[in-house]
Amino acid sequence: MAKFSPIELQPGADMNLLIQAVNDNFRQVASSNRTDIITDENGDQRILLGKQPNGEYGLYITKPGKDVLTELGY
């Protein structure tokens, strides 16, 4: 399985490189038809990259303390 491209967010980062990295990650997720949910250090599911339970693809990030699936209505 292909690894995702790391994205380092910094002030003044080249927006075109960030967009390209995000789009590459979406292509990898869509081609493998998978979903990654990333949990923070407190055990909260904060980031969903890939397919939602309703079938839509996207990148969803919640505020600290908020569960991404709950915020999406699942």
PDB file of N, CA and C in Angstrom:
ATOM      1  N   MET A   1       0.844  -1.171   0.000  1.00  0.00           N
ATOM      2  CA  MET A   1       0.000   0.000   0.000  1.00  0.00           C
ATOM      3  C   MET A   1       0.890   1.235   0.000  1.00  0.00           C
ATOM      4  N   ALA A   2       0.520   2.221  -0.773  1.00  0.00           N
ATOM      5  CA  ALA A   2       1.290   3.463  -0.861  1.00  0.00           C
ATOM      6  C   ALA A   2       1.179   4.254   0.423  1.00  0.00           C
ATOM      7  N   LYS A   3       2.266   4.933   0.771  1.00  0.00           N
ATOM      8  CA  LYS A   3       2.246   5.808   1.941  1.00  0.00           C
ATOM      9  C   LYS A   3       1.723   7.166   1.538  1.00  0.00           C
ATOM     10  N   PHE A   4       1.071   7.824   2.477  1.00  0.00           N
ATOM     11  CA  PHE A   4       0.589   9.161   2.232  1.00  0.00           C
ATOM     12  C   PHE A   4       1.744  10.144   2.241  1.00  0.00           C
ATOM     13  N   SER A   5       1.593  11.208   1.459  1.00  0.00           N
ATOM     14  CA  SER A   5       2.608  12.257   1.424  1.00  0.00           C
ATOM     15  C   SER A   5       2.513  13.078   2.698  1.00  0.00           C
ATOM     16  N   PRO A   6       3.637  13.258   3.388  1.00  0.00           N
ATOM     17  CA  PRO A   6       3.578  14.112   4.583  1.00  0.00           C
ATOM     18  C   PRO A   6       3.324  15.564   4.179  1.00  0.00           C
ATOM     19  N   ILE A   7       2.532  16.240   4.973  1.00  0.00           N
ATOM     20  CA  ILE A   7       2.232  17.643   4.716  1.00  0.00           C
ATOM     21  C   ILE A   7       2.674  18.429   5.934  1.00  0.00           C
ATOM     22  N   GLU A   8       3.600  19.323   5.744  1.00  0.00           N
ATOM     23  CA  GLU A   8       4.084  20.148   6.841  1.00  0.00           C
ATOM     24  C   GLU A   8       3.522  21.546   6.680  1.00  0.00           C
ATOM     25  N   LEU A   9       2.660  21.931   7.597  1.00  0.00           N
ATOM     26  CA  LEU A   9       2.037  23.243   7.536  1.00  0.00           C
ATOM     27  C   LEU A   9       2.886  24.241   8.309  1.00  0.00           C
ATOM     28  N   GLN A  10       3.348  25.242   7.610  1.00  0.00           N
ATOM     29  CA  GLN A  10       4.155  26.286   8.217  1.00  0.00           C
ATOM     30  C   GLN A  10       3.724  27.624   7.647  1.00  0.00           C
ATOM     31  N   PRO A  11       3.917  28.683   8.429  1.00  0.00           N
ATOM     32  CA  PRO A  11       3.630  30.007   7.861  1.00  0.00           C
ATOM     33  C   PRO A  11       4.465  30.228   6.606  1.00  0.00           C
ATOM     34  N   GLY A  12       3.833  30.712   5.573  1.00  0.00           N
ATOM     35  CA  GLY A  12       4.544  30.996   4.325  1.00  0.00           C
ATOM     36  C   GLY A  12       4.790  29.787   3.444  1.00  0.00           C
ATOM     37  N   ALA A  13       4.182  28.632   3.784  1.00  0.00           N
ATOM     38  CA  ALA A  13       4.373  27.430   2.965  1.00  0.00           C
ATOM     39  C   ALA A  13       3.788  27.664   1.577  1.00  0.00           C
ATOM     40  N   ASP A  14       4.386  27.035   0.577  1.00  0.00           N
ATOM     41  CA  ASP A  14       3.919  27.159  -0.794  1.00  0.00           C
ATOM     42  C   ASP A  14       2.565  26.468  -0.928  1.00  0.00           C
ATOM     43  N   MET A  15       1.530  27.246  -1.174  1.00  0.00           N
ATOM     44  CA  MET A  15       0.162  26.716  -1.235  1.00  0.00           C
ATOM     45  C   MET A  15       0.014  25.683  -2.351  1.00  0.00           C
ATOM     46  N   ASN A  16       0.687  25.861  -3.468  1.00  0.00           N
ATOM     47  CA  ASN A  16       0.577  24.887  -4.567  1.00  0.00           C
ATOM     48  C   ASN A  16       1.108  23.524  -4.164  1.00  0.00           C
ATOM     49  N   LEU A  17       2.206  23.497  -3.400  1.00  0.00           N
ATOM     50  CA  LEU A  17       2.743  22.217  -2.929  1.00  0.00           C
ATOM     51  C   LEU A  17       1.795  21.562  -1.931  1.00  0.00           C
ATOM     52  N   LEU A  18       1.189  22.357  -1.052  1.00  0.00           N
ATOM     53  CA  LEU A  18       0.235  21.808  -0.096  1.00  0.00           C
ATOM     54  C   LEU A  18      -0.977  21.231  -0.816  1.00  0.00           C
ATOM     55  N   ILE A  19      -1.495  21.958  -1.787  1.00  0.00           N
ATOM     56  CA  ILE A  19      -2.660  21.488  -2.546  1.00  0.00           C
ATOM     57  C   ILE A  19      -2.325  20.204  -3.287  1.00  0.00           C
ATOM     58  N   GLN A  20      -1.168  20.151  -3.899  1.00  0.00           N
ATOM     59  CA  GLN A  20      -0.753  18.958  -4.627  1.00  0.00           C
ATOM     60  C   GLN A  20      -0.647  17.756  -3.684  1.00  0.00           C
ATOM     61  N   ALA A  21      -0.068  17.959  -2.493  1.00  0.00           N
ATOM     62  CA  ALA A  21       0.069  16.859  -1.532  1.00  0.00           C
ATOM     63  C   ALA A  21      -1.300  16.368  -1.064  1.00  0.00           C
ATOM     64  N   VAL A  22      -2.224  17.282  -0.765  1.00  0.00           N
ATOM     65  CA  VAL A  22      -3.575  16.889  -0.349  1.00  0.00           C
ATOM     66  C   VAL A  22      -4.266  16.129  -1.479  1.00  0.00           C
ATOM     67  N   ASN A  23      -4.186  16.627  -2.691  1.00  0.00           N
ATOM     68  CA  ASN A  23      -4.817  15.952  -3.825  1.00  0.00           C
ATOM     69  C   ASN A  23      -4.212  14.569  -4.069  1.00  0.00           C
ATOM     70  N   ASP A  24      -2.896  14.437  -3.929  1.00  0.00           N
ATOM     71  CA  ASP A  24      -2.258  13.131  -4.069  1.00  0.00           C
ATOM     72  C   ASP A  24      -2.793  12.159  -3.021  1.00  0.00           C
ATOM     73  N   ASN A  25      -2.950  12.651  -1.802  1.00  0.00           N
ATOM     74  CA  ASN A  25      -3.490  11.793  -0.742  1.00  0.00           C
ATOM     75  C   ASN A  25      -4.915  11.371  -1.053  1.00  0.00           C
ATOM     76  N   PHE A  26      -5.747  12.297  -1.559  1.00  0.00           N
ATOM     77  CA  PHE A  26      -7.117  11.940  -1.926  1.00  0.00           C
ATOM     78  C   PHE A  26      -7.123  10.883  -3.026  1.00  0.00           C
ATOM     79  N   ARG A  27      -6.263  11.016  -4.027  1.00  0.00           N
ATOM     80  CA  ARG A  27      -6.201  10.020  -5.100  1.00  0.00           C
ATOM     81  C   ARG A  27      -5.825   8.652  -4.552  1.00  0.00           C
ATOM     82  N   GLN A  28      -4.874   8.623  -3.622  1.00  0.00           N
ATOM     83  CA  GLN A  28      -4.463   7.347  -3.029  1.00  0.00           C
ATOM     84  C   GLN A  28      -5.600   6.719  -2.240  1.00  0.00           C
ATOM     85  N   VAL A  29      -6.313   7.520  -1.468  1.00  0.00           N
ATOM     86  CA  VAL A  29      -7.428   7.002  -0.679  1.00  0.00           C
ATOM     87  C   VAL A  29      -8.536   6.499  -1.597  1.00  0.00           C
ATOM     88  N   ALA A  30      -8.890   7.290  -2.595  1.00  0.00           N
ATOM     89  CA  ALA A  30      -9.968   6.903  -3.503  1.00  0.00           C
ATOM     90  C   ALA A  30      -9.617   5.636  -4.269  1.00  0.00           C
ATOM     91  N   SER A  31      -8.367   5.505  -4.687  1.00  0.00           N
ATOM     92  CA  SER A  31      -7.982   4.329  -5.459  1.00  0.00           C
ATOM     93  C   SER A  31      -7.961   3.069  -4.593  1.00  0.00           C
ATOM     94  N   SER A  32      -7.756   3.219  -3.318  1.00  0.00           N
ATOM     95  CA  SER A  32      -7.750   2.046  -2.441  1.00  0.00           C
ATOM     96  C   SER A  32      -9.088   1.862  -1.734  1.00  0.00           C
ATOM     97  N   ASN A  33     -10.029   2.807  -1.964  1.00  0.00           N
ATOM     98  CA  ASN A  33     -11.372   2.747  -1.375  1.00  0.00           C
ATOM     99  C   ASN A  33     -11.297   2.520   0.127  1.00  0.00           C
ATOM    100  N   ARG A  34     -10.540   3.362   0.802  1.00  0.00           N
ATOM    101  CA  ARG A  34     -10.365   3.193   2.234  1.00  0.00           C
ATOM    102  C   ARG A  34     -10.575   4.504   2.967  1.00  0.00           C
ATOM    103  N   THR A  35     -10.639   4.391   4.253  1.00  0.00           N
ATOM    104  CA  THR A  35     -10.814   5.540   5.120  1.00  0.00           C
ATOM    105  C   THR A  35      -9.814   5.441   6.260  1.00  0.00           C
ATOM    106  N   ASP A  36      -9.185   6.540   6.582  1.00  0.00           N
ATOM    107  CA  ASP A  36      -8.322   6.608   7.750  1.00  0.00           C
ATOM    108  C   ASP A  36      -8.935   7.583   8.739  1.00  0.00           C
ATOM    109  N   ILE A  37      -9.063   7.140   9.979  1.00  0.00           N
ATOM    110  CA  ILE A  37      -9.501   8.015  11.062  1.00  0.00           C
ATOM    111  C   ILE A  37      -8.340   8.133  12.025  1.00  0.00           C
ATOM    112  N   ILE A  38      -7.922   9.356  12.270  1.00  0.00           N
ATOM    113  CA  ILE A  38      -6.758   9.610  13.112  1.00  0.00           C
ATOM    114  C   ILE A  38      -7.231  10.086  14.478  1.00  0.00           C
ATOM    115  N   THR A  39      -6.690   9.449  15.492  1.00  0.00           N
ATOM    116  CA  THR A  39      -7.043   9.744  16.876  1.00  0.00           C
ATOM    117  C   THR A  39      -5.945  10.606  17.493  1.00  0.00           C
ATOM    118  N   ASP A  40      -6.348  11.604  18.283  1.00  0.00           N
ATOM    119  CA  ASP A  40      -5.353  12.471  18.921  1.00  0.00           C
ATOM    120  C   ASP A  40      -4.817  11.834  20.205  1.00  0.00           C
ATOM    121  N   GLU A  41      -3.947  12.558  20.881  1.00  0.00           N
ATOM    122  CA  GLU A  41      -3.293  12.030  22.082  1.00  0.00           C
ATOM    123  C   GLU A  41      -4.264  11.795  23.242  1.00  0.00           C
ATOM    124  N   ASN A  42      -5.461  12.365  23.168  1.00  0.00           N
ATOM    125  CA  ASN A  42      -6.473  12.167  24.208  1.00  0.00           C
ATOM    126  C   ASN A  42      -7.449  11.045  23.875  1.00  0.00           C
ATOM    127  N   GLY A  43      -7.268  10.399  22.734  1.00  0.00           N
ATOM    128  CA  GLY A  43      -8.144   9.310  22.333  1.00  0.00           C
ATOM    129  C   GLY A  43      -9.361   9.747  21.538  1.00  0.00           C
ATOM    130  N   ASP A  44      -9.454  11.047  21.209  1.00  0.00           N
ATOM    131  CA  ASP A  44     -10.570  11.540  20.408  1.00  0.00           C
ATOM    132  C   ASP A  44     -10.291  11.314  18.928  1.00  0.00           C
ATOM    133  N   GLN A  45     -11.294  10.788  18.196  1.00  0.00           N
ATOM    134  CA  GLN A  45     -11.185  10.638  16.742  1.00  0.00           C
ATOM    135  C   GLN A  45     -11.359  12.022  16.133  1.00  0.00           C
ATOM    136  N   ARG A  46     -10.266  12.602  15.605  1.00  0.00           N
ATOM    137  CA  ARG A  46     -10.291  13.995  15.193  1.00  0.00           C
ATOM    138  C   ARG A  46     -10.249  14.215  13.692  1.00  0.00           C
ATOM    139  N   ILE A  47      -9.644  13.294  12.943  1.00  0.00           N
ATOM    140  CA  ILE A  47      -9.452  13.498  11.507  1.00  0.00           C
ATOM    141  C   ILE A  47      -9.973  12.281  10.752  1.00  0.00           C
ATOM    142  N   LEU A  48     -10.782  12.536   9.739  1.00  0.00           N
ATOM    143  CA  LEU A  48     -11.240  11.482   8.839  1.00  0.00           C
ATOM    144  C   LEU A  48     -10.759  11.864   7.445  1.00  0.00           C
ATOM    145  N   LEU A  49     -10.012  10.969   6.828  1.00  0.00           N
ATOM    146  CA  LEU A  49      -9.537  11.155   5.460  1.00  0.00           C
ATOM    147  C   LEU A  49     -10.050   9.977   4.660  1.00  0.00           C
ATOM    148  N   GLY A  50     -10.902  10.250   3.708  1.00  0.00           N
ATOM    149  CA  GLY A  50     -11.426   9.177   2.871  1.00  0.00           C
ATOM    150  C   GLY A  50     -12.926   9.193   2.794  1.00  0.00           C
ATOM    151  N   LYS A  51     -13.486   8.001   2.788  1.00  0.00           N
ATOM    152  CA  LYS A  51     -14.914   7.822   2.541  1.00  0.00           C
ATOM    153  C   LYS A  51     -15.708   7.890   3.846  1.00  0.00           C
ATOM    154  N   GLN A  52     -16.685   8.795   3.869  1.00  0.00           N
ATOM    155  CA  GLN A  52     -17.608   8.880   4.994  1.00  0.00           C
ATOM    156  C   GLN A  52     -18.567   7.700   4.936  1.00  0.00           C
ATOM    157  N   PRO A  53     -19.274   7.420   6.035  1.00  0.00           N
ATOM    158  CA  PRO A  53     -20.286   6.360   5.979  1.00  0.00           C
ATOM    159  C   PRO A  53     -21.365   6.597   4.911  1.00  0.00           C
ATOM    160  N   ASN A  54     -21.606   7.859   4.513  1.00  0.00           N
ATOM    161  CA  ASN A  54     -22.607   8.119   3.472  1.00  0.00           C
ATOM    162  C   ASN A  54     -22.042   7.986   2.063  1.00  0.00           C
ATOM    163  N   GLY A  55     -20.755   7.662   1.933  1.00  0.00           N
ATOM    164  CA  GLY A  55     -20.149   7.433   0.629  1.00  0.00           C
ATOM    165  C   GLY A  55     -19.375   8.592   0.053  1.00  0.00           C
ATOM    166  N   GLU A  56     -19.478   9.769   0.639  1.00  0.00           N
ATOM    167  CA  GLU A  56     -18.736  10.930   0.138  1.00  0.00           C
ATOM    168  C   GLU A  56     -17.294  10.884   0.631  1.00  0.00           C
ATOM    169  N   TYR A  57     -16.375  11.353  -0.221  1.00  0.00           N
ATOM    170  CA  TYR A  57     -14.967  11.426   0.143  1.00  0.00           C
ATOM    171  C   TYR A  57     -14.632  12.825   0.612  1.00  0.00           C
ATOM    172  N   GLY A  58     -13.684  12.914   1.531  1.00  0.00           N
ATOM    173  CA  GLY A  58     -13.270  14.228   1.989  1.00  0.00           C
ATOM    174  C   GLY A  58     -12.227  14.142   3.088  1.00  0.00           C
ATOM    175  N   LEU A  59     -11.817  15.303   3.530  1.00  0.00           N
ATOM    176  CA  LEU A  59     -10.907  15.464   4.657  1.00  0.00           C
ATOM    177  C   LEU A  59     -11.660  16.288   5.683  1.00  0.00           C
ATOM    178  N   TYR A  60     -11.902  15.701   6.844  1.00  0.00           N
ATOM    179  CA  TYR A  60     -12.688  16.350   7.884  1.00  0.00           C
ATOM    180  C   TYR A  60     -11.850  16.403   9.156  1.00  0.00           C
ATOM    181  N   ILE A  61     -11.723  17.586   9.732  1.00  0.00           N
ATOM    182  CA  ILE A  61     -10.927  17.791  10.932  1.00  0.00           C
ATOM    183  C   ILE A  61     -11.779  18.540  11.945  1.00  0.00           C
ATOM    184  N   THR A  62     -11.810  18.031  13.170  1.00  0.00           N
ATOM    185  CA  THR A  62     -12.602  18.681  14.206  1.00  0.00           C
ATOM    186  C   THR A  62     -11.695  19.435  15.181  1.00  0.00           C
ATOM    187  N   LYS A  63     -12.340  20.275  15.978  1.00  0.00           N
ATOM    188  CA  LYS A  63     -11.642  20.989  17.045  1.00  0.00           C
ATOM    189  C   LYS A  63     -11.276  19.994  18.143  1.00  0.00           C
ATOM    190  N   PRO A  64     -10.264  20.324  18.955  1.00  0.00           N
ATOM    191  CA  PRO A  64      -9.917  19.434  20.068  1.00  0.00           C
ATOM    192  C   PRO A  64     -11.141  19.133  20.938  1.00  0.00           C
ATOM    193  N   GLY A  65     -11.272  17.860  21.321  1.00  0.00           N
ATOM    194  CA  GLY A  65     -12.373  17.435  22.163  1.00  0.00           C
ATOM    195  C   GLY A  65     -13.629  17.021  21.411  1.00  0.00           C
ATOM    196  N   LYS A  66     -13.655  17.201  20.091  1.00  0.00           N
ATOM    197  CA  LYS A  66     -14.820  16.847  19.276  1.00  0.00           C
ATOM    198  C   LYS A  66     -14.510  15.600  18.451  1.00  0.00           C
ATOM    199  N   ASP A  67     -15.420  14.631  18.450  1.00  0.00           N
ATOM    200  CA  ASP A  67     -15.273  13.418  17.665  1.00  0.00           C
ATOM    201  C   ASP A  67     -15.733  13.674  16.229  1.00  0.00           C
ATOM    202  N   VAL A  68     -14.895  13.347  15.269  1.00  0.00           N
ATOM    203  CA  VAL A  68     -15.187  13.638  13.870  1.00  0.00           C
ATOM    204  C   VAL A  68     -16.438  12.916  13.373  1.00  0.00           C
ATOM    205  N   LEU A  69     -16.632  11.657  13.770  1.00  0.00           N
ATOM    206  CA  LEU A  69     -17.819  10.931  13.316  1.00  0.00           C
ATOM    207  C   LEU A  69     -19.094  11.500  13.935  1.00  0.00           C
ATOM    208  N   THR A  70     -19.025  11.904  15.195  1.00  0.00           N
ATOM    209  CA  THR A  70     -20.188  12.521  15.839  1.00  0.00           C
ATOM    210  C   THR A  70     -20.535  13.834  15.160  1.00  0.00           C
ATOM    211  N   GLU A  71     -19.510  14.631  14.847  1.00  0.00           N
ATOM    212  CA  GLU A  71     -19.746  15.920  14.195  1.00  0.00           C
ATOM    213  C   GLU A  71     -20.316  15.747  12.790  1.00  0.00           C
ATOM    214  N   LEU A  72     -19.988  14.631  12.139  1.00  0.00           N
ATOM    215  CA  LEU A  72     -20.540  14.355  10.804  1.00  0.00           C
ATOM    216  C   LEU A  72     -21.928  13.729  10.884  1.00  0.00           C
ATOM    217  N   GLY A  73     -22.382  13.443  12.089  1.00  0.00           N
ATOM    218  CA  GLY A  73     -23.734  12.916  12.267  1.00  0.00           C
ATOM    219  C   GLY A  73     -23.834  11.406  12.273  1.00  0.00           C
ATOM    220  N   TYR A  74     -22.750  10.703  12.619  1.00  0.00           N
ATOM    221  CA  TYR A  74     -22.765   9.238  12.641  1.00  0.00           C
ATOM    222  C   TYR A  74     -22.542   8.713  14.024  1.00  0.00           C
TER     223      TYR A  74
END
